[in-house]
Amino acid sequence: MTQWELGLVGLAQSDDLYHFTGRNGDRPQCVPEEVRQMNGEQRLELILHEEHIRAFAPFGTTTACVCFSESPPNHLGHLIQTGRFSPWGIVTSRATLLKLEGGAVAYVPDAVYARFKRYGLEHWAVRTGNGSAWMHEREWRLPSSEEGRPIGSVRAILVGNASWRPAPVVAEWRNGLTGERLRGPDGDPFTQPVEELPRLWRESEVWVWNAADEQLVKSPPPEPCVDGLGCRAPGPRQPTKREDECLTA
């Protein structure tokens, strides 16, 4: 078995890990107000535009993490139908998180949780005592700096509306008269931006939650790749972090 082969994955498990951008309920105090005010669609759009996912310390911890839920299809439906999460976010894999030194949290009694906390590892555990019942989230965490993680690719993008599209981004600048590609806005009145849908949207599968049928509808990337690799950007993507820190499904 190679390092990231996960062996038998039963029906109660899933290789799909969901980072929901639409979670209903309270949020840790460390989450900025502008993020709190966004809905799930807006947070997802921000991730797609920035190609970056932010990290915040979960409740009761001080270590910033990106959080995911391991959800087989039926359990995904349960989380959405009970109103705890709305169907917006990104999907990655267990192997991706393990490679980045993320993993599943431990659901433990209060006394055991106190031991985790004593050694500064409380971000790897969730209390299961009175008033703390979170096992339905089947949570995985990826410890990160407060800056979060750059995103190279994702397994899929989760949306709750089949007609939704993120706002376009400026892909390049051109002279509107000659078509010449330019380095950027230069004050010339003929310089014009060329807009495209975000790279991650163009490259990724889109999984639409169909509320009427209570199931996922999976679609290939919205636009075909012109280079066979899924990237239509005019130039190579410039990584802002080391590749071993980058979320790449």
C-alpha atoms as a PDB file:
ATOM      1  CA  MET A   1       0.000   0.000   0.000  1.00  0.00           C
ATOM      2  CA  THR A   2       1.424   3.397  -0.981  1.00  0.00           C
ATOM      3  CA  GLN A   3       1.608   6.202   1.521  1.00  0.00           C
ATOM      4  CA  TRP A   4      -1.733   7.819   0.685  1.00  0.00           C
ATOM      5  CA  GLU A   5      -3.841   4.774  -0.198  1.00  0.00           C
ATOM      6  CA  LEU A   6      -6.551   4.649   2.435  1.00  0.00           C
ATOM      7  CA  GLY A   7      -7.518   0.998   2.242  1.00  0.00           C
ATOM      8  CA  LEU A   8     -11.162  -0.052   2.353  1.00  0.00           C
ATOM      9  CA  VAL A   9     -13.595   2.843   2.476  1.00  0.00           C
ATOM     10  CA  GLY A  10     -16.972   1.592   3.690  1.00  0.00           C
ATOM     11  CA  LEU A  11     -20.432   3.035   3.132  1.00  0.00           C
ATOM     12  CA  ALA A  12     -20.225   5.008   6.364  1.00  0.00           C
ATOM     13  CA  GLN A  13     -17.060   6.730   5.140  1.00  0.00           C
ATOM     14  CA  SER A  14     -16.250   9.039   2.269  1.00  0.00           C
ATOM     15  CA  ASP A  15     -13.147  10.212   0.477  1.00  0.00           C
ATOM     16  CA  ASP A  16     -14.928  13.519  -0.118  1.00  0.00           C
ATOM     17  CA  LEU A  17     -14.218  16.252   2.417  1.00  0.00           C
ATOM     18  CA  TYR A  18     -16.447  19.334   2.303  1.00  0.00           C
ATOM     19  CA  HIS A  19     -15.434  22.793   3.424  1.00  0.00           C
ATOM     20  CA  PHE A  20     -18.810  24.500   3.817  1.00  0.00           C
ATOM     21  CA  THR A  21     -18.852  28.251   3.262  1.00  0.00           C
ATOM     22  CA  GLY A  22     -22.467  28.380   4.418  1.00  0.00           C
ATOM     23  CA  ARG A  23     -22.597  27.266   8.037  1.00  0.00           C
ATOM     24  CA  ASN A  24     -25.541  28.377  10.121  1.00  0.00           C
ATOM     25  CA  GLY A  25     -24.963  29.401  13.722  1.00  0.00           C
ATOM     26  CA  ASP A  26     -22.383  31.175  15.828  1.00  0.00           C
ATOM     27  CA  ARG A  27     -18.797  31.724  14.717  1.00  0.00           C
ATOM     28  CA  PRO A  28     -15.591  32.095  16.736  1.00  0.00           C
ATOM     29  CA  GLN A  29     -14.735  35.654  17.752  1.00  0.00           C
ATOM     30  CA  CYS A  30     -11.573  35.516  15.636  1.00  0.00           C
ATOM     31  CA  VAL A  31     -13.636  35.541  12.414  1.00  0.00           C
ATOM     32  CA  PRO A  32     -13.605  39.127  11.032  1.00  0.00           C
ATOM     33  CA  GLU A  33     -16.889  40.980  10.878  1.00  0.00           C
ATOM     34  CA  GLU A  34     -16.772  41.336   7.104  1.00  0.00           C
ATOM     35  CA  VAL A  35     -16.597  37.542   6.775  1.00  0.00           C
ATOM     36  CA  ARG A  36     -19.405  37.075   9.307  1.00  0.00           C
ATOM     37  CA  GLN A  37     -21.649  39.325   7.211  1.00  0.00           C
ATOM     38  CA  MET A  38     -21.165  37.256   4.045  1.00  0.00           C
ATOM     39  CA  ASN A  39     -23.498  34.444   3.069  1.00  0.00           C
ATOM     40  CA  GLY A  40     -22.328  31.089   1.744  1.00  0.00           C
ATOM     41  CA  GLU A  41     -22.352  32.194  -1.884  1.00  0.00           C
ATOM     42  CA  GLN A  42     -20.279  35.291  -1.145  1.00  0.00           C
ATOM     43  CA  ARG A  43     -17.684  33.384   0.863  1.00  0.00           C
ATOM     44  CA  LEU A  44     -17.377  30.793  -1.895  1.00  0.00           C
ATOM     45  CA  GLU A  45     -16.943  33.525  -4.488  1.00  0.00           C
ATOM     46  CA  LEU A  46     -14.198  35.107  -2.369  1.00  0.00           C
ATOM     47  CA  ILE A  47     -12.330  31.783  -2.201  1.00  0.00           C
ATOM     48  CA  LEU A  48     -12.606  31.335  -5.974  1.00  0.00           C
ATOM     49  CA  HIS A  49     -11.400  34.874  -6.650  1.00  0.00           C
ATOM     50  CA  GLU A  50      -8.477  34.747  -4.221  1.00  0.00           C
ATOM     51  CA  GLU A  51      -7.559  31.081  -4.894  1.00  0.00           C
ATOM     52  CA  HIS A  52      -7.025  31.028  -1.161  1.00  0.00           C
ATOM     53  CA  ILE A  53      -8.874  29.595   1.828  1.00  0.00           C
ATOM     54  CA  ARG A  54      -8.737  31.370   5.176  1.00  0.00           C
ATOM     55  CA  ALA A  55      -8.107  29.648   8.493  1.00  0.00           C
ATOM     56  CA  PHE A  56      -9.566  30.445  11.908  1.00  0.00           C
ATOM     57  CA  ALA A  57      -9.215  28.871  15.337  1.00  0.00           C
ATOM     58  CA  PRO A  58     -12.189  26.569  16.062  1.00  0.00           C
ATOM     59  CA  PHE A  59     -14.196  27.114  19.242  1.00  0.00           C
ATOM     60  CA  GLY A  60     -12.122  26.494  22.368  1.00  0.00           C
ATOM     61  CA  THR A  61      -8.777  26.454  20.537  1.00  0.00           C
ATOM     62  CA  THR A  62      -6.008  28.888  19.644  1.00  0.00           C
ATOM     63  CA  THR A  63      -4.621  27.170  16.525  1.00  0.00           C
ATOM     64  CA  ALA A  64      -6.009  28.344  13.203  1.00  0.00           C
ATOM     65  CA  CYS A  65      -7.414  25.513  11.084  1.00  0.00           C
ATOM     66  CA  VAL A  66      -9.309  24.986   7.865  1.00  0.00           C
ATOM     67  CA  CYS A  67     -12.218  22.687   8.705  1.00  0.00           C
ATOM     68  CA  PHE A  68     -13.932  20.017   6.619  1.00  0.00           C
ATOM     69  CA  SER A  69     -16.689  17.441   6.990  1.00  0.00           C
ATOM     70  CA  GLU A  70     -16.294  13.847   5.808  1.00  0.00           C
ATOM     71  CA  SER A  71     -19.719  13.200   4.340  1.00  0.00           C
ATOM     72  CA  PRO A  72     -21.020  10.310   2.245  1.00  0.00           C
ATOM     73  CA  PRO A  73     -23.930  11.452   0.016  1.00  0.00           C
ATOM     74  CA  ASN A  74     -26.687  10.519   2.471  1.00  0.00           C
ATOM     75  CA  HIS A  75     -24.934  12.223   5.354  1.00  0.00           C
ATOM     76  CA  LEU A  76     -24.305  15.316   3.240  1.00  0.00           C
ATOM     77  CA  GLY A  77     -28.048  15.460   2.669  1.00  0.00           C
ATOM     78  CA  HIS A  78     -28.640  15.107   6.399  1.00  0.00           C
ATOM     79  CA  LEU A  79     -26.379  18.066   7.225  1.00  0.00           C
ATOM     80  CA  ILE A  80     -28.100  20.256   4.643  1.00  0.00           C
ATOM     81  CA  GLN A  81     -31.673  19.197   5.372  1.00  0.00           C
ATOM     82  CA  THR A  82     -31.322  19.778   9.105  1.00  0.00           C
ATOM     83  CA  GLY A  83     -30.333  23.371   8.362  1.00  0.00           C
ATOM     84  CA  ARG A  84     -26.893  23.217   9.950  1.00  0.00           C
ATOM     85  CA  PHE A  85     -25.105  23.855   6.658  1.00  0.00           C
ATOM     86  CA  SER A  86     -26.099  25.331   3.330  1.00  0.00           C
ATOM     87  CA  PRO A  87     -24.840  23.708   0.116  1.00  0.00           C
ATOM     88  CA  TRP A  88     -21.970  26.032  -0.769  1.00  0.00           C
ATOM     89  CA  GLY A  89     -18.272  25.248  -0.514  1.00  0.00           C
ATOM     90  CA  ILE A  90     -15.336  23.350  -1.933  1.00  0.00           C
ATOM     91  CA  VAL A  91     -14.568  19.636  -1.926  1.00  0.00           C
ATOM     92  CA  THR A  92     -11.190  17.964  -1.494  1.00  0.00           C
ATOM     93  CA  SER A  93     -10.016  14.470  -0.521  1.00  0.00           C
ATOM     94  CA  ARG A  94      -8.766  12.698   2.583  1.00  0.00           C
ATOM     95  CA  ALA A  95      -5.462  11.937   0.863  1.00  0.00           C
ATOM     96  CA  THR A  96      -4.953  15.639   0.132  1.00  0.00           C
ATOM     97  CA  LEU A  97      -5.395  16.609   3.782  1.00  0.00           C
ATOM     98  CA  LEU A  98      -3.227  13.773   5.068  1.00  0.00           C
ATOM     99  CA  LYS A  99      -0.453  14.807   2.692  1.00  0.00           C
ATOM    100  CA  LEU A 100      -0.623  18.334   4.137  1.00  0.00           C
ATOM    101  CA  GLU A 101      -0.535  16.923   7.704  1.00  0.00           C
ATOM    102  CA  GLY A 102      -4.231  17.443   8.322  1.00  0.00           C
ATOM    103  CA  GLY A 103      -6.483  14.720   9.673  1.00  0.00           C
ATOM    104  CA  ALA A 104      -9.672  13.663  11.398  1.00  0.00           C
ATOM    105  CA  VAL A 105     -10.373  15.052  14.860  1.00  0.00           C
ATOM    106  CA  ALA A 106     -10.886  12.844  17.905  1.00  0.00           C
ATOM    107  CA  TYR A 107     -14.278  12.980  19.633  1.00  0.00           C
ATOM    108  CA  VAL A 108     -13.446  12.446  23.292  1.00  0.00           C
ATOM    109  CA  PRO A 109     -14.881  12.827  26.824  1.00  0.00           C
ATOM    110  CA  ASP A 110     -14.093  15.975  28.798  1.00  0.00           C
ATOM    111  CA  ALA A 111     -11.328  14.348  30.825  1.00  0.00           C
ATOM    112  CA  VAL A 112      -9.519  13.175  27.705  1.00  0.00           C
ATOM    113  CA  TYR A 113     -10.029  16.546  26.031  1.00  0.00           C
ATOM    114  CA  ALA A 114      -8.321  18.184  29.012  1.00  0.00           C
ATOM    115  CA  ARG A 115      -5.240  16.066  28.315  1.00  0.00           C
ATOM    116  CA  PHE A 116      -5.193  17.181  24.688  1.00  0.00           C
ATOM    117  CA  LYS A 117      -5.424  20.772  25.883  1.00  0.00           C
ATOM    118  CA  ARG A 118      -2.636  20.306  28.427  1.00  0.00           C
ATOM    119  CA  TYR A 119      -0.243  19.562  25.568  1.00  0.00           C
ATOM    120  CA  GLY A 120      -1.539  22.270  23.238  1.00  0.00           C
ATOM    121  CA  LEU A 121      -3.306  19.758  20.985  1.00  0.00           C
ATOM    122  CA  GLU A 122      -6.898  20.725  21.653  1.00  0.00           C
ATOM    123  CA  HIS A 123      -7.390  21.619  17.966  1.00  0.00           C
ATOM    124  CA  TRP A 124      -7.158  17.867  17.256  1.00  0.00           C
ATOM    125  CA  ALA A 125     -10.079  17.009  19.543  1.00  0.00           C
ATOM    126  CA  VAL A 126     -13.739  17.849  20.084  1.00  0.00           C
ATOM    127  CA  ARG A 127     -15.468  17.459  23.461  1.00  0.00           C
ATOM    128  CA  THR A 128     -18.374  15.053  23.702  1.00  0.00           C
ATOM    129  CA  GLY A 129     -19.564  16.013  27.194  1.00  0.00           C
ATOM    130  CA  ASN A 130     -22.819  17.724  28.166  1.00  0.00           C
ATOM    131  CA  GLY A 131     -23.635  20.617  25.868  1.00  0.00           C
ATOM    132  CA  SER A 132     -21.095  19.520  23.265  1.00  0.00           C
ATOM    133  CA  ALA A 133     -22.532  17.134  20.698  1.00  0.00           C
ATOM    134  CA  TRP A 134     -20.753  17.628  17.399  1.00  0.00           C
ATOM    135  CA  MET A 135     -20.046  14.122  16.148  1.00  0.00           C
ATOM    136  CA  HIS A 136     -22.489  14.608  13.268  1.00  0.00           C
ATOM    137  CA  GLU A 137     -19.939  16.956  11.660  1.00  0.00           C
ATOM    138  CA  ARG A 138     -17.402  14.118  11.141  1.00  0.00           C
ATOM    139  CA  GLU A 139     -14.772  16.825  11.207  1.00  0.00           C
ATOM    140  CA  TRP A 140     -11.319  16.947   9.667  1.00  0.00           C
ATOM    141  CA  ARG A 141      -8.951  19.836  10.301  1.00  0.00           C
ATOM    142  CA  LEU A 142      -5.949  21.264   8.504  1.00  0.00           C
ATOM    143  CA  PRO A 143      -3.825  23.345  10.911  1.00  0.00           C
ATOM    144  CA  SER A 144      -2.596  26.472   9.135  1.00  0.00           C
ATOM    145  CA  SER A 145      -1.218  29.895   9.742  1.00  0.00           C
ATOM    146  CA  GLU A 146      -3.817  32.610  10.184  1.00  0.00           C
ATOM    147  CA  GLU A 147      -3.190  33.478   6.533  1.00  0.00           C
ATOM    148  CA  GLY A 148      -4.750  30.148   5.551  1.00  0.00           C
ATOM    149  CA  ARG A 149      -3.782  28.104   2.498  1.00  0.00           C
ATOM    150  CA  PRO A 150      -3.406  28.807  -1.223  1.00  0.00           C
ATOM    151  CA  ILE A 151      -5.476  26.552  -3.470  1.00  0.00           C
ATOM    152  CA  GLY A 152      -3.956  24.842  -6.481  1.00  0.00           C
ATOM    153  CA  SER A 153      -7.022  22.780  -7.344  1.00  0.00           C
ATOM    154  CA  VAL A 154     -10.114  21.256  -5.772  1.00  0.00           C
ATOM    155  CA  ARG A 155     -11.998  18.024  -6.351  1.00  0.00           C
ATOM    156  CA  ALA A 156     -15.242  19.935  -6.868  1.00  0.00           C
ATOM    157  CA  ILE A 157     -17.145  23.106  -6.104  1.00  0.00           C
ATOM    158  CA  LEU A 158     -20.412  22.665  -4.192  1.00  0.00           C
ATOM    159  CA  VAL A 159     -23.286  25.009  -5.062  1.00  0.00           C
ATOM    160  CA  GLY A 160     -26.940  25.166  -4.141  1.00  0.00           C
ATOM    161  CA  ASN A 161     -28.160  26.737  -7.366  1.00  0.00           C
ATOM    162  CA  ALA A 162     -27.478  25.265 -10.817  1.00  0.00           C
ATOM    163  CA  SER A 163     -27.610  28.689 -12.470  1.00  0.00           C
ATOM    164  CA  TRP A 164     -25.133  30.338 -10.076  1.00  0.00           C
ATOM    165  CA  ARG A 165     -21.849  31.642 -11.448  1.00  0.00           C
ATOM    166  CA  PRO A 166     -19.113  33.561  -9.626  1.00  0.00           C
ATOM    167  CA  ALA A 167     -18.401  37.092 -10.753  1.00  0.00           C
ATOM    168  CA  PRO A 168     -15.660  37.250 -13.397  1.00  0.00           C
ATOM    169  CA  VAL A 169     -12.111  38.336 -12.643  1.00  0.00           C
ATOM    170  CA  VAL A 170      -9.648  40.346 -14.718  1.00  0.00           C
ATOM    171  CA  ALA A 171      -7.468  37.807 -16.530  1.00  0.00           C
ATOM    172  CA  GLU A 172      -5.367  40.203 -18.597  1.00  0.00           C
ATOM    173  CA  TRP A 173      -5.210  43.662 -20.143  1.00  0.00           C
ATOM    174  CA  ARG A 174      -5.250  44.469 -23.857  1.00  0.00           C
ATOM    175  CA  ASN A 175      -5.159  47.471 -26.129  1.00  0.00           C
ATOM    176  CA  GLY A 176      -8.726  47.842 -27.364  1.00  0.00           C
ATOM    177  CA  LEU A 177      -7.576  49.071 -30.794  1.00  0.00           C
ATOM    178  CA  THR A 178      -4.730  46.695 -31.620  1.00  0.00           C
ATOM    179  CA  GLY A 179      -5.506  43.718 -29.384  1.00  0.00           C
ATOM    180  CA  GLU A 180      -1.956  43.881 -28.031  1.00  0.00           C
ATOM    181  CA  ARG A 181      -1.543  42.206 -24.626  1.00  0.00           C
ATOM    182  CA  LEU A 182      -0.390  44.655 -21.962  1.00  0.00           C
ATOM    183  CA  ARG A 183       1.188  44.286 -18.538  1.00  0.00           C
ATOM    184  CA  GLY A 184      -1.656  46.084 -16.798  1.00  0.00           C
ATOM    185  CA  PRO A 185      -3.587  49.364 -16.657  1.00  0.00           C
ATOM    186  CA  ASP A 186      -1.280  52.085 -17.917  1.00  0.00           C
ATOM    187  CA  GLY A 187      -3.496  55.176 -18.135  1.00  0.00           C
ATOM    188  CA  ASP A 188      -4.077  54.753 -21.873  1.00  0.00           C
ATOM    189  CA  PRO A 189      -7.814  55.243 -22.555  1.00  0.00           C
ATOM    190  CA  PHE A 190      -7.719  52.309 -24.987  1.00  0.00           C
ATOM    191  CA  THR A 191      -6.401  49.872 -22.392  1.00  0.00           C
ATOM    192  CA  GLN A 192      -9.174  47.429 -21.532  1.00  0.00           C
ATOM    193  CA  PRO A 193      -9.482  44.566 -19.063  1.00  0.00           C
ATOM    194  CA  VAL A 194     -10.277  41.060 -20.334  1.00  0.00           C
ATOM    195  CA  GLU A 195     -12.498  39.227 -17.873  1.00  0.00           C
ATOM    196  CA  GLU A 196     -12.971  35.498 -17.351  1.00  0.00           C
ATOM    197  CA  LEU A 197     -14.663  33.329 -14.785  1.00  0.00           C
ATOM    198  CA  PRO A 198     -12.242  32.389 -11.970  1.00  0.00           C
ATOM    199  CA  ARG A 199      -9.678  29.721 -12.827  1.00  0.00           C
ATOM    200  CA  LEU A 200     -10.873  27.267 -10.173  1.00  0.00           C
ATOM    201  CA  TRP A 201     -14.433  27.501 -11.517  1.00  0.00           C
ATOM    202  CA  ARG A 202     -13.287  26.816 -15.064  1.00  0.00           C
ATOM    203  CA  GLU A 203     -11.140  23.845 -14.048  1.00  0.00           C
ATOM    204  CA  SER A 204     -13.268  22.100 -11.436  1.00  0.00           C
ATOM    205  CA  GLU A 205     -16.256  19.804 -11.399  1.00  0.00           C
ATOM    206  CA  VAL A 206     -19.396  21.515 -10.111  1.00  0.00           C
ATOM    207  CA  TRP A 207     -21.615  19.560  -7.724  1.00  0.00           C
ATOM    208  CA  VAL A 208     -25.105  21.008  -7.464  1.00  0.00           C
ATOM    209  CA  TRP A 209     -27.288  20.141  -4.497  1.00  0.00           C
ATOM    210  CA  ASN A 210     -30.742  19.456  -5.913  1.00  0.00           C
ATOM    211  CA  ALA A 211     -33.072  20.228  -3.023  1.00  0.00           C
ATOM    212  CA  ALA A 212     -36.115  18.761  -4.762  1.00  0.00           C
ATOM    213  CA  ASP A 213     -34.499  15.351  -5.283  1.00  0.00           C
ATOM    214  CA  GLU A 214     -32.256  15.641  -2.204  1.00  0.00           C
ATOM    215  CA  GLN A 215     -29.181  14.543  -4.093  1.00  0.00           C
ATOM    216  CA  LEU A 216     -26.011  15.822  -5.740  1.00  0.00           C
ATOM    217  CA  VAL A 217     -25.850  16.368  -9.472  1.00  0.00           C
ATOM    218  CA  LYS A 218     -22.227  16.218 -10.601  1.00  0.00           C
ATOM    219  CA  SER A 219     -21.074  18.030 -13.731  1.00  0.00           C
ATOM    220  CA  PRO A 220     -17.685  18.246 -15.462  1.00  0.00           C
ATOM    221  CA  PRO A 221     -15.775  21.547 -15.501  1.00  0.00           C
ATOM    222  CA  PRO A 222     -18.042  24.243 -16.981  1.00  0.00           C
ATOM    223  CA  GLU A 223     -15.628  25.100 -19.780  1.00  0.00           C
ATOM    224  CA  PRO A 224     -13.331  22.755 -21.725  1.00  0.00           C
ATOM    225  CA  CYS A 225      -9.594  23.066 -21.241  1.00  0.00           C
ATOM    226  CA  VAL A 226      -7.700  24.509 -24.181  1.00  0.00           C
ATOM    227  CA  ASP A 227      -4.380  23.084 -23.089  1.00  0.00           C
ATOM    228  CA  GLY A 228      -5.562  19.736 -21.717  1.00  0.00           C
ATOM    229  CA  LEU A 229      -4.570  20.728 -18.203  1.00  0.00           C
ATOM    230  CA  GLY A 230      -7.560  22.791 -17.156  1.00  0.00           C
ATOM    231  CA  CYS A 231      -5.935  26.234 -17.190  1.00  0.00           C
ATOM    232  CA  ARG A 232      -6.976  28.896 -19.694  1.00  0.00           C
ATOM    233  CA  ALA A 233      -5.207  31.768 -17.978  1.00  0.00           C
ATOM    234  CA  PRO A 234      -3.022  33.845 -20.304  1.00  0.00           C
ATOM    235  CA  GLY A 235       0.104  33.068 -18.366  1.00  0.00           C
ATOM    236  CA  PRO A 236       1.372  30.604 -15.763  1.00  0.00           C
ATOM    237  CA  ARG A 237      -0.165  30.893 -12.296  1.00  0.00           C
ATOM    238  CA  GLN A 238       2.347  32.344  -9.893  1.00  0.00           C
ATOM    239  CA  PRO A 239       2.279  30.381  -6.622  1.00  0.00           C
ATOM    240  CA  THR A 240       2.292  32.520  -3.501  1.00  0.00           C
ATOM    241  CA  LYS A 241       3.234  29.667  -1.178  1.00  0.00           C
ATOM    242  CA  ARG A 242       5.366  26.580  -1.243  1.00  0.00           C
ATOM    243  CA  GLU A 243       3.755  23.689  -3.092  1.00  0.00           C
ATOM    244  CA  ASP A 244       3.805  21.561   0.074  1.00  0.00           C
ATOM    245  CA  GLU A 245       1.502  24.133   1.722  1.00  0.00           C
ATOM    246  CA  CYS A 246      -0.918  24.348  -1.190  1.00  0.00           C
ATOM    247  CA  LEU A 247      -4.335  22.658  -1.178  1.00  0.00           C
ATOM    248  CA  THR A 248      -4.271  20.579  -4.366  1.00  0.00           C
ATOM    249  CA  ALA A 249      -6.953  17.933  -4.824  1.00  0.00           C
END
